[in-house]
Amino acid sequence: TSRRGIAVDGVSLTVTRGETLGIV
Protein backbone atom coordinates (compact mmCIF):
# COMPACT_ATOMS: atom_id res chain seq x y z
CA THR A 1 0.00 0.00 0.00
CA SER A 2 1.09 3.54 -0.64
CA ARG A 3 -1.34 4.93 1.93
CA ARG A 4 0.31 6.92 4.68
CA GLY A 5 -0.89 7.97 8.11
CA ILE A 6 0.02 11.32 9.64
CA ALA A 7 1.73 11.17 13.03
CA VAL A 8 2.71 14.84 13.35
CA ASP A 9 1.04 17.43 11.16
CA GLY A 10 2.63 20.87 11.00
CA VAL A 11 3.68 21.42 14.63
CA SER A 12 5.32 24.74 15.50
CA LEU A 13 6.59 25.36 19.04
CA THR A 14 8.90 27.69 20.90
CA VAL A 15 10.33 26.51 24.24
CA THR A 16 11.93 29.26 26.31
CA ARG A 17 14.94 28.67 28.53
CA GLY A 18 13.98 27.55 32.04
CA GLU A 19 10.31 26.83 31.41
CA THR A 20 8.36 23.60 31.72
CA LEU A 21 6.20 22.96 28.68
CA GLY A 22 3.60 20.25 29.11
CA ILE A 23 2.46 18.44 25.97
CA VAL A 24 -0.76 16.56 26.63
PDB file of all heavy atoms in Angstrom:
ATOM      1  N   THR A   1       0.839  -1.198   0.000  1.00  0.00           N
ATOM      2  CA  THR A   1       0.000   0.000   0.000  1.00  0.00           C
ATOM      3  C   THR A   1       0.874   1.249   0.000  1.00  0.00           C
ATOM      4  O   THR A   1       1.974   1.242   0.558  1.00  0.00           O
ATOM      5  CB  THR A   1      -0.934   0.037   1.231  1.00  0.00           C
ATOM      6  OG1 THR A   1      -1.692   1.249   1.195  1.00  0.00           O
ATOM      7  CG2 THR A   1      -0.135  -0.005   2.535  1.00  0.00           C
ATOM      8  N   SER A   2       0.383   2.262  -0.652  1.00  0.00           N
ATOM      9  CA  SER A   2       1.086   3.544  -0.640  1.00  0.00           C
ATOM     10  C   SER A   2       0.410   4.524   0.318  1.00  0.00           C
ATOM     11  O   SER A   2       0.814   5.681   0.415  1.00  0.00           O
ATOM     12  CB  SER A   2       1.117   4.139  -2.061  1.00  0.00           C
ATOM     13  OG  SER A   2      -0.208   4.306  -2.542  1.00  0.00           O
ATOM     14  N   ARG A   3      -0.621   4.040   1.013  1.00  0.00           N
ATOM     15  CA  ARG A   3      -1.341   4.927   1.927  1.00  0.00           C
ATOM     16  C   ARG A   3      -0.460   5.254   3.119  1.00  0.00           C
ATOM     17  O   ARG A   3       0.259   4.395   3.631  1.00  0.00           O
ATOM     18  CB  ARG A   3      -2.630   4.241   2.394  1.00  0.00           C
ATOM     19  CG  ARG A   3      -3.596   5.181   3.123  1.00  0.00           C
ATOM     20  CD  ARG A   3      -4.996   4.602   3.126  1.00  0.00           C
ATOM     21  NE  ARG A   3      -5.086   3.453   4.005  1.00  0.00           N
ATOM     22  CZ  ARG A   3      -5.346   3.537   5.316  1.00  0.00           C
ATOM     23  NH1 ARG A   3      -5.489   4.722   5.872  1.00  0.00           N
ATOM     24  NH2 ARG A   3      -5.452   2.451   6.050  1.00  0.00           N
ATOM     25  N   ARG A   4      -0.517   6.498   3.559  1.00  0.00           N
ATOM     26  CA  ARG A   4       0.313   6.924   4.683  1.00  0.00           C
ATOM     27  C   ARG A   4      -0.563   7.579   5.742  1.00  0.00           C
ATOM     28  O   ARG A   4      -1.515   8.293   5.434  1.00  0.00           O
ATOM     29  CB  ARG A   4       1.410   7.900   4.220  1.00  0.00           C
ATOM     30  CG  ARG A   4       2.361   7.267   3.215  1.00  0.00           C
ATOM     31  CD  ARG A   4       3.575   8.135   2.954  1.00  0.00           C
ATOM     32  NE  ARG A   4       4.480   8.218   4.098  1.00  0.00           N
ATOM     33  CZ  ARG A   4       5.358   7.267   4.429  1.00  0.00           C
ATOM     34  NH1 ARG A   4       5.431   6.154   3.734  1.00  0.00           N
ATOM     35  NH2 ARG A   4       6.152   7.426   5.471  1.00  0.00           N
ATOM     36  N   GLY A   5      -0.223   7.303   7.002  1.00  0.00           N
ATOM     37  CA  GLY A   5      -0.885   7.973   8.107  1.00  0.00           C
ATOM     38  C   GLY A   5      -0.045   9.145   8.576  1.00  0.00           C
ATOM     39  O   GLY A   5       1.173   9.159   8.398  1.00  0.00           O
ATOM     40  N   ILE A   6      -0.682  10.129   9.152  1.00  0.00           N
ATOM     41  CA  ILE A   6       0.016  11.315   9.640  1.00  0.00           C
ATOM     42  C   ILE A   6       0.199  11.208  11.142  1.00  0.00           C
ATOM     43  O   ILE A   6      -0.772  11.100  11.892  1.00  0.00           O
ATOM     44  CB  ILE A   6      -0.771  12.608   9.297  1.00  0.00           C
ATOM     45  CG1 ILE A   6      -1.058  12.681   7.802  1.00  0.00           C
ATOM     46  CG2 ILE A   6      -0.005  13.838   9.773  1.00  0.00           C
ATOM     47  CD1 ILE A   6       0.184  12.753   6.934  1.00  0.00           C
ATOM     48  N   ALA A   7       1.461  11.219  11.593  1.00  0.00           N
ATOM     49  CA  ALA A   7       1.733  11.167  13.033  1.00  0.00           C
ATOM     50  C   ALA A   7       1.831  12.576  13.616  1.00  0.00           C
ATOM     51  O   ALA A   7       1.289  12.865  14.688  1.00  0.00           O
ATOM     52  CB  ALA A   7       3.021  10.401  13.301  1.00  0.00           C
ATOM     53  N   VAL A   8       2.556  13.447  12.929  1.00  0.00           N
ATOM     54  CA  VAL A   8       2.710  14.845  13.354  1.00  0.00           C
ATOM     55  C   VAL A   8       2.433  15.712  12.131  1.00  0.00           C
ATOM     56  O   VAL A   8       2.999  15.493  11.061  1.00  0.00           O
ATOM     57  CB  VAL A   8       4.121  15.107  13.913  1.00  0.00           C
ATOM     58  CG1 VAL A   8       4.328  16.589  14.200  1.00  0.00           C
ATOM     59  CG2 VAL A   8       4.350  14.292  15.190  1.00  0.00           C
ATOM     60  N   ASP A   9       1.575  16.693  12.309  1.00  0.00           N
ATOM     61  CA  ASP A   9       1.036  17.431  11.159  1.00  0.00           C
ATOM     62  C   ASP A   9       1.204  18.942  11.332  1.00  0.00           C
ATOM     63  O   ASP A   9       0.305  19.643  11.781  1.00  0.00           O
ATOM     64  CB  ASP A   9      -0.445  17.075  11.001  1.00  0.00           C
ATOM     65  CG  ASP A   9      -1.064  17.627   9.728  1.00  0.00           C
ATOM     66  OD1 ASP A   9      -0.311  18.125   8.867  1.00  0.00           O
ATOM     67  OD2 ASP A   9      -2.304  17.560   9.603  1.00  0.00           O
ATOM     68  N   GLY A  10       2.410  19.422  11.025  1.00  0.00           N
ATOM     69  CA  GLY A  10       2.629  20.869  11.002  1.00  0.00           C
ATOM     70  C   GLY A  10       2.759  21.503  12.375  1.00  0.00           C
ATOM     71  O   GLY A  10       2.171  22.561  12.629  1.00  0.00           O
ATOM     72  N   VAL A  11       3.555  20.897  13.258  1.00  0.00           N
ATOM     73  CA  VAL A  11       3.681  21.420  14.626  1.00  0.00           C
ATOM     74  C   VAL A  11       4.764  22.490  14.710  1.00  0.00           C
ATOM     75  O   VAL A  11       5.906  22.275  14.312  1.00  0.00           O
ATOM     76  CB  VAL A  11       3.997  20.275  15.618  1.00  0.00           C
ATOM     77  CG1 VAL A  11       4.448  20.838  16.966  1.00  0.00           C
ATOM     78  CG2 VAL A  11       2.775  19.385  15.805  1.00  0.00           C
ATOM     79  N   SER A  12       4.382  23.643  15.234  1.00  0.00           N
ATOM     80  CA  SER A  12       5.323  24.738  15.500  1.00  0.00           C
ATOM     81  C   SER A  12       5.279  25.052  16.990  1.00  0.00           C
ATOM     82  O   SER A  12       4.201  25.212  17.571  1.00  0.00           O
ATOM     83  CB  SER A  12       4.943  25.990  14.697  1.00  0.00           C
ATOM     84  OG  SER A  12       5.027  25.738  13.307  1.00  0.00           O
ATOM     85  N   LEU A  13       6.463  25.122  17.602  1.00  0.00           N
ATOM     86  CA  LEU A  13       6.586  25.359  19.044  1.00  0.00           C
ATOM     87  C   LEU A  13       7.801  26.219  19.324  1.00  0.00           C
ATOM     88  O   LEU A  13       8.803  26.124  18.616  1.00  0.00           O
ATOM     89  CB  LEU A  13       6.792  24.039  19.792  1.00  0.00           C
ATOM     90  CG  LEU A  13       5.623  23.143  20.158  1.00  0.00           C
ATOM     91  CD1 LEU A  13       6.166  21.864  20.775  1.00  0.00           C
ATOM     92  CD2 LEU A  13       4.682  23.837  21.134  1.00  0.00           C
ATOM     93  N   THR A  14       7.717  27.027  20.360  1.00  0.00           N
ATOM     94  CA  THR A  14       8.897  27.689  20.904  1.00  0.00           C
ATOM     95  C   THR A  14       8.967  27.376  22.393  1.00  0.00           C
ATOM     96  O   THR A  14       7.993  27.575  23.122  1.00  0.00           O
ATOM     97  CB  THR A  14       8.830  29.212  20.694  1.00  0.00           C
ATOM     98  OG1 THR A  14       8.805  29.495  19.293  1.00  0.00           O
ATOM     99  CG2 THR A  14      10.050  29.897  21.308  1.00  0.00           C
ATOM    100  N   VAL A  15      10.108  26.844  22.829  1.00  0.00           N
ATOM    101  CA  VAL A  15      10.327  26.510  24.239  1.00  0.00           C
ATOM    102  C   VAL A  15      11.373  27.476  24.774  1.00  0.00           C
ATOM    103  O   VAL A  15      12.495  27.530  24.262  1.00  0.00           O
ATOM    104  CB  VAL A  15      10.798  25.057  24.413  1.00  0.00           C
ATOM    105  CG1 VAL A  15      10.919  24.718  25.892  1.00  0.00           C
ATOM    106  CG2 VAL A  15       9.842  24.096  23.710  1.00  0.00           C
ATOM    107  N   THR A  16      11.013  28.261  25.776  1.00  0.00           N
ATOM    108  CA  THR A  16      11.935  29.257  26.306  1.00  0.00           C
ATOM    109  C   THR A  16      12.791  28.655  27.415  1.00  0.00           C
ATOM    110  O   THR A  16      12.388  27.725  28.112  1.00  0.00           O
ATOM    111  CB  THR A  16      11.185  30.497  26.834  1.00  0.00           C
ATOM    112  OG1 THR A  16      10.260  30.092  27.849  1.00  0.00           O
ATOM    113  CG2 THR A  16      10.426  31.178  25.722  1.00  0.00           C
ATOM    114  N   ARG A  17      13.977  29.188  27.559  1.00  0.00           N
ATOM    115  CA  ARG A  17      14.941  28.672  28.529  1.00  0.00           C
ATOM    116  C   ARG A  17      14.366  28.739  29.951  1.00  0.00           C
ATOM    117  O   ARG A  17      13.877  29.771  30.395  1.00  0.00           O
ATOM    118  CB  ARG A  17      16.233  29.478  28.426  1.00  0.00           C
ATOM    119  CG  ARG A  17      17.392  28.882  29.192  1.00  0.00           C
ATOM    120  CD  ARG A  17      18.657  29.706  29.005  1.00  0.00           C
ATOM    121  NE  ARG A  17      19.188  29.629  27.659  1.00  0.00           N
ATOM    122  CZ  ARG A  17      19.975  28.649  27.204  1.00  0.00           C
ATOM    123  NH1 ARG A  17      20.308  27.652  28.004  1.00  0.00           N
ATOM    124  NH2 ARG A  17      20.425  28.670  25.969  1.00  0.00           N
ATOM    125  N   GLY A  18      14.413  27.611  30.646  1.00  0.00           N
ATOM    126  CA  GLY A  18      13.981  27.552  32.040  1.00  0.00           C
ATOM    127  C   GLY A  18      12.532  27.207  32.265  1.00  0.00           C
ATOM    128  O   GLY A  18      12.121  26.988  33.412  1.00  0.00           O
ATOM    129  N   GLU A  19      11.730  27.125  31.203  1.00  0.00           N
ATOM    130  CA  GLU A  19      10.312  26.832  31.410  1.00  0.00           C
ATOM    131  C   GLU A  19      10.055  25.326  31.424  1.00  0.00           C
ATOM    132  O   GLU A  19      10.907  24.520  31.058  1.00  0.00           O
ATOM    133  CB  GLU A  19       9.459  27.498  30.319  1.00  0.00           C
ATOM    134  CG  GLU A  19       9.420  26.760  28.990  1.00  0.00           C
ATOM    135  CD  GLU A  19       8.271  27.218  28.093  1.00  0.00           C
ATOM    136  OE1 GLU A  19       7.165  27.451  28.604  1.00  0.00           O
ATOM    137  OE2 GLU A  19       8.494  27.319  26.869  1.00  0.00           O
ATOM    138  N   THR A  20       8.839  24.963  31.859  1.00  0.00           N
ATOM    139  CA  THR A  20       8.356  23.602  31.715  1.00  0.00           C
ATOM    140  C   THR A  20       7.146  23.641  30.799  1.00  0.00           C
ATOM    141  O   THR A  20       6.114  24.219  31.147  1.00  0.00           O
ATOM    142  CB  THR A  20       7.946  22.991  33.065  1.00  0.00           C
ATOM    143  OG1 THR A  20       9.085  22.930  33.918  1.00  0.00           O
ATOM    144  CG2 THR A  20       7.415  21.576  32.874  1.00  0.00           C
ATOM    145  N   LEU A  21       7.304  23.052  29.625  1.00  0.00           N
ATOM    146  CA  LEU A  21       6.203  22.961  28.677  1.00  0.00           C
ATOM    147  C   LEU A  21       5.589  21.576  28.787  1.00  0.00           C
ATOM    148  O   LEU A  21       6.281  20.571  28.618  1.00  0.00           O
ATOM    149  CB  LEU A  21       6.695  23.202  27.247  1.00  0.00           C
ATOM    150  CG  LEU A  21       5.641  22.993  26.147  1.00  0.00           C
ATOM    151  CD1 LEU A  21       4.552  24.053  26.237  1.00  0.00           C
ATOM    152  CD2 LEU A  21       6.281  22.975  24.762  1.00  0.00           C
ATOM    153  N   GLY A  22       4.315  21.517  29.094  1.00  0.00           N
ATOM    154  CA  GLY A  22       3.604  20.250  29.113  1.00  0.00           C
ATOM    155  C   GLY A  22       2.940  20.012  27.772  1.00  0.00           C
ATOM    156  O   GLY A  22       2.275  20.904  27.241  1.00  0.00           O
ATOM    157  N   ILE A  23       3.145  18.826  27.209  1.00  0.00           N
ATOM    158  CA  ILE A  23       2.461  18.436  25.975  1.00  0.00           C
ATOM    159  C   ILE A  23       1.529  17.291  26.335  1.00  0.00           C
ATOM    160  O   ILE A  23       1.962  16.239  26.799  1.00  0.00           O
ATOM    161  CB  ILE A  23       3.457  18.011  24.877  1.00  0.00           C
ATOM    162  CG1 ILE A  23       4.414  19.154  24.562  1.00  0.00           C
ATOM    163  CG2 ILE A  23       2.708  17.579  23.623  1.00  0.00           C
ATOM    164  CD1 ILE A  23       5.468  18.812  23.516  1.00  0.00           C
ATOM    165  N   VAL A  24       0.231  17.512  26.139  1.00  0.00           N
ATOM    166  CA  VAL A  24      -0.761  16.559  26.627  1.00  0.00           C
ATOM    167  C   VAL A  24      -1.701  16.172  25.489  1.00  0.00           C
ATOM    168  O   VAL A  24      -1.966  16.958  24.581  1.00  0.00           O
ATOM    169  CB  VAL A  24      -1.546  17.150  27.827  1.00  0.00           C
ATOM    170  CG1 VAL A  24      -2.430  18.304  27.403  1.00  0.00           C
ATOM    171  CG2 VAL A  24      -2.353  16.080  28.548  1.00  0.00           C
TER     172      VAL A  24
END
